[in-house]
Amino acid sequence: MKNKVTVQPKIKIRKGDLVKVIAGDSRGQEGKVLSVLITKSRILIEGVNLVSKHTKPNAANPNGGIIKKEAALHISNVALIDPKSGKTTRVGRKLNADGKLVRVSKKSGEEIK
């Protein structure tokens, strides 16, 4: 059996970025990125794509019950929000004066921190 080499996709959205959902049930909602699951090409956004999770009583939650929790969205269904204009934008990469690769907004040309 041959060894399978998995290539991880280059993801241009990072934890802490402000994004907008452009497709799916949560379309139009905005939020801050909580985490990025690189191997699955998925993303968790604060307050977006909430699902109900039934929990049994335990030490941390003595009553149990139903809790609302964020579910992961596919990375292709979100777009980064341009820090300058506030509209959605694509992300490019550029060498800055220090010789470092930085992310750049395609619409405004502004560096994304």
C-alpha atoms as a PDB file:
ATOM      1  CA  MET A   1       0.000   0.000   0.000  1.00  0.00           C
ATOM      2  CA  LYS A   2       1.355   3.411  -0.962  1.00  0.00           C
ATOM      3  CA  ASN A   3       1.729   6.243   1.509  1.00  0.00           C
ATOM      4  CA  LYS A   4      -0.835   8.912   0.862  1.00  0.00           C
ATOM      5  CA  VAL A   5       0.464  12.470   0.953  1.00  0.00           C
ATOM      6  CA  THR A   6      -2.155  15.043   1.876  1.00  0.00           C
ATOM      7  CA  VAL A   7      -1.651  18.569   0.650  1.00  0.00           C
ATOM      8  CA  GLN A   8      -3.054  21.229   2.932  1.00  0.00           C
ATOM      9  CA  PRO A   9      -4.803  24.071   1.123  1.00  0.00           C
ATOM     10  CA  LYS A  10      -3.501  27.639   1.504  1.00  0.00           C
ATOM     11  CA  ILE A  11      -6.067  29.417   3.642  1.00  0.00           C
ATOM     12  CA  LYS A  12      -6.099  33.210   3.465  1.00  0.00           C
ATOM     13  CA  ILE A  13      -8.420  33.799   6.421  1.00  0.00           C
ATOM     14  CA  ARG A  14      -7.011  33.688   9.949  1.00  0.00           C
ATOM     15  CA  LYS A  15      -8.260  33.604  13.525  1.00  0.00           C
ATOM     16  CA  GLY A  16      -9.440  37.057  14.613  1.00  0.00           C
ATOM     17  CA  ASP A  17     -10.406  38.280  11.113  1.00  0.00           C
ATOM     18  CA  LEU A  18     -13.806  39.878  10.504  1.00  0.00           C
ATOM     19  CA  VAL A  19     -15.707  37.898   7.853  1.00  0.00           C
ATOM     20  CA  LYS A  20     -19.120  37.842   6.167  1.00  0.00           C
ATOM     21  CA  VAL A  21     -21.029  34.687   5.175  1.00  0.00           C
ATOM     22  CA  ILE A  22     -21.764  34.823   1.433  1.00  0.00           C
ATOM     23  CA  ALA A  23     -23.561  31.475   0.975  1.00  0.00           C
ATOM     24  CA  GLY A  24     -25.721  29.055   2.925  1.00  0.00           C
ATOM     25  CA  ASP A  25     -28.376  29.411   5.643  1.00  0.00           C
ATOM     26  CA  SER A  26     -26.381  32.035   7.575  1.00  0.00           C
ATOM     27  CA  ARG A  27     -25.879  34.219   4.473  1.00  0.00           C
ATOM     28  CA  GLY A  28     -25.369  37.917   5.196  1.00  0.00           C
ATOM     29  CA  GLN A  29     -24.227  37.453   8.803  1.00  0.00           C
ATOM     30  CA  GLU A  30     -20.908  38.860   9.965  1.00  0.00           C
ATOM     31  CA  GLY A  31     -18.620  37.805  12.770  1.00  0.00           C
ATOM     32  CA  LYS A  32     -15.146  37.307  14.108  1.00  0.00           C
ATOM     33  CA  VAL A  33     -13.262  34.087  13.272  1.00  0.00           C
ATOM     34  CA  LEU A  34     -12.883  31.897  16.382  1.00  0.00           C
ATOM     35  CA  SER A  35     -10.831  29.130  14.776  1.00  0.00           C
ATOM     36  CA  VAL A  36      -9.742  27.746  11.414  1.00  0.00           C
ATOM     37  CA  LEU A  37      -9.743  23.981  10.785  1.00  0.00           C
ATOM     38  CA  ILE A  38      -7.101  23.792   8.042  1.00  0.00           C
ATOM     39  CA  THR A  39      -7.272  20.066   7.252  1.00  0.00           C
ATOM     40  CA  LYS A  40     -11.071  20.180   6.788  1.00  0.00           C
ATOM     41  CA  SER A  41     -11.096  23.651   5.092  1.00  0.00           C
ATOM     42  CA  ARG A  42     -13.667  24.827   7.635  1.00  0.00           C
ATOM     43  CA  ILE A  43     -14.042  27.866   9.843  1.00  0.00           C
ATOM     44  CA  LEU A  44     -15.831  28.725  13.126  1.00  0.00           C
ATOM     45  CA  ILE A  45     -17.390  32.198  13.337  1.00  0.00           C
ATOM     46  CA  GLU A  46     -18.633  33.861  16.524  1.00  0.00           C
ATOM     47  CA  GLY A  47     -22.459  33.896  16.699  1.00  0.00           C
ATOM     48  CA  VAL A  48     -22.931  32.468  13.179  1.00  0.00           C
ATOM     49  CA  ASN A  49     -24.359  29.073  12.111  1.00  0.00           C
ATOM     50  CA  LEU A  50     -25.672  28.227  15.591  1.00  0.00           C
ATOM     51  CA  VAL A  51     -26.889  24.671  16.226  1.00  0.00           C
ATOM     52  CA  SER A  52     -28.726  23.209  19.225  1.00  0.00           C
ATOM     53  CA  LYS A  53     -26.736  20.607  21.140  1.00  0.00           C
ATOM     54  CA  HIS A  54     -28.432  18.366  23.703  1.00  0.00           C
ATOM     55  CA  THR A  55     -26.243  17.769  26.747  1.00  0.00           C
ATOM     56  CA  LYS A  56     -26.536  15.291  29.574  1.00  0.00           C
ATOM     57  CA  PRO A  57     -26.136  16.510  33.142  1.00  0.00           C
ATOM     58  CA  ASN A  58     -22.493  16.450  34.285  1.00  0.00           C
ATOM     59  CA  ALA A  59     -20.228  18.155  36.832  1.00  0.00           C
ATOM     60  CA  ALA A  60     -19.761  21.274  34.697  1.00  0.00           C
ATOM     61  CA  ASN A  61     -23.451  21.520  33.747  1.00  0.00           C
ATOM     62  CA  PRO A  62     -25.568  19.880  36.513  1.00  0.00           C
ATOM     63  CA  ASN A  63     -28.922  20.461  34.784  1.00  0.00           C
ATOM     64  CA  GLY A  64     -27.967  19.432  31.248  1.00  0.00           C
ATOM     65  CA  GLY A  65     -30.389  20.650  28.578  1.00  0.00           C
ATOM     66  CA  ILE A  66     -30.066  22.289  25.179  1.00  0.00           C
ATOM     67  CA  ILE A  67     -27.207  24.680  24.447  1.00  0.00           C
ATOM     68  CA  LYS A  68     -26.582  26.806  21.345  1.00  0.00           C
ATOM     69  CA  LYS A  69     -23.153  26.280  19.792  1.00  0.00           C
ATOM     70  CA  GLU A  70     -21.365  27.508  16.652  1.00  0.00           C
ATOM     71  CA  ALA A  71     -20.939  24.923  13.898  1.00  0.00           C
ATOM     72  CA  ALA A  72     -18.168  25.037  11.283  1.00  0.00           C
ATOM     73  CA  LEU A  73     -18.768  26.528   7.835  1.00  0.00           C
ATOM     74  CA  HIS A  74     -16.797  25.735   4.703  1.00  0.00           C
ATOM     75  CA  ILE A  75     -14.116  28.338   3.980  1.00  0.00           C
ATOM     76  CA  SER A  76     -15.507  28.985   0.482  1.00  0.00           C
ATOM     77  CA  ASN A  77     -18.770  30.278   1.986  1.00  0.00           C
ATOM     78  CA  VAL A  78     -17.154  33.263   3.720  1.00  0.00           C
ATOM     79  CA  ALA A  79     -15.411  36.422   2.507  1.00  0.00           C
ATOM     80  CA  LEU A  80     -13.067  38.709   4.392  1.00  0.00           C
ATOM     81  CA  ILE A  81     -14.300  42.213   5.198  1.00  0.00           C
ATOM     82  CA  ASP A  82     -12.025  45.008   3.926  1.00  0.00           C
ATOM     83  CA  PRO A  83     -10.724  47.027   6.920  1.00  0.00           C
ATOM     84  CA  LYS A  84     -10.919  50.297   4.931  1.00  0.00           C
ATOM     85  CA  SER A  85     -14.263  50.156   3.082  1.00  0.00           C
ATOM     86  CA  GLY A  86     -16.185  47.608   5.177  1.00  0.00           C
ATOM     87  CA  LYS A  87     -17.136  45.595   2.063  1.00  0.00           C
ATOM     88  CA  THR A  88     -16.160  42.021   1.235  1.00  0.00           C
ATOM     89  CA  THR A  89     -12.854  41.525  -0.558  1.00  0.00           C
ATOM     90  CA  ARG A  90     -10.496  38.871  -1.825  1.00  0.00           C
ATOM     91  CA  VAL A  91      -7.070  38.471  -0.266  1.00  0.00           C
ATOM     92  CA  GLY A  92      -3.732  38.811  -2.012  1.00  0.00           C
ATOM     93  CA  ARG A  93      -0.158  38.535  -0.747  1.00  0.00           C
ATOM     94  CA  LYS A  94       2.592  41.074  -1.207  1.00  0.00           C
ATOM     95  CA  LEU A  95       6.179  41.595  -0.098  1.00  0.00           C
ATOM     96  CA  ASN A  96       6.457  44.681   2.114  1.00  0.00           C
ATOM     97  CA  ALA A  97       9.516  46.899   2.714  1.00  0.00           C
ATOM     98  CA  ASP A  98      10.844  44.585   5.457  1.00  0.00           C
ATOM     99  CA  GLY A  99      10.882  41.639   3.050  1.00  0.00           C
ATOM    100  CA  LYS A 100       7.923  39.952   4.791  1.00  0.00           C
ATOM    101  CA  LEU A 101       4.907  38.491   3.008  1.00  0.00           C
ATOM    102  CA  VAL A 102       1.754  40.289   4.152  1.00  0.00           C
ATOM    103  CA  ARG A 103      -1.910  39.828   3.312  1.00  0.00           C
ATOM    104  CA  VAL A 104      -3.395  42.629   1.224  1.00  0.00           C
ATOM    105  CA  SER A 105      -6.988  43.550   0.380  1.00  0.00           C
ATOM    106  CA  LYS A 106      -7.633  43.274  -3.382  1.00  0.00           C
ATOM    107  CA  LYS A 107     -10.215  46.106  -3.336  1.00  0.00           C
ATOM    108  CA  SER A 108      -8.384  48.830  -1.412  1.00  0.00           C
ATOM    109  CA  GLY A 109      -4.802  47.568  -1.528  1.00  0.00           C
ATOM    110  CA  GLU A 110      -4.647  48.044   2.256  1.00  0.00           C
ATOM    111  CA  GLU A 111      -2.552  45.662   4.390  1.00  0.00           C
ATOM    112  CA  ILE A 112      -4.600  43.267   6.553  1.00  0.00           C
ATOM    113  CA  LYS A 113      -3.326  43.056  10.121  1.00  0.00           C
END
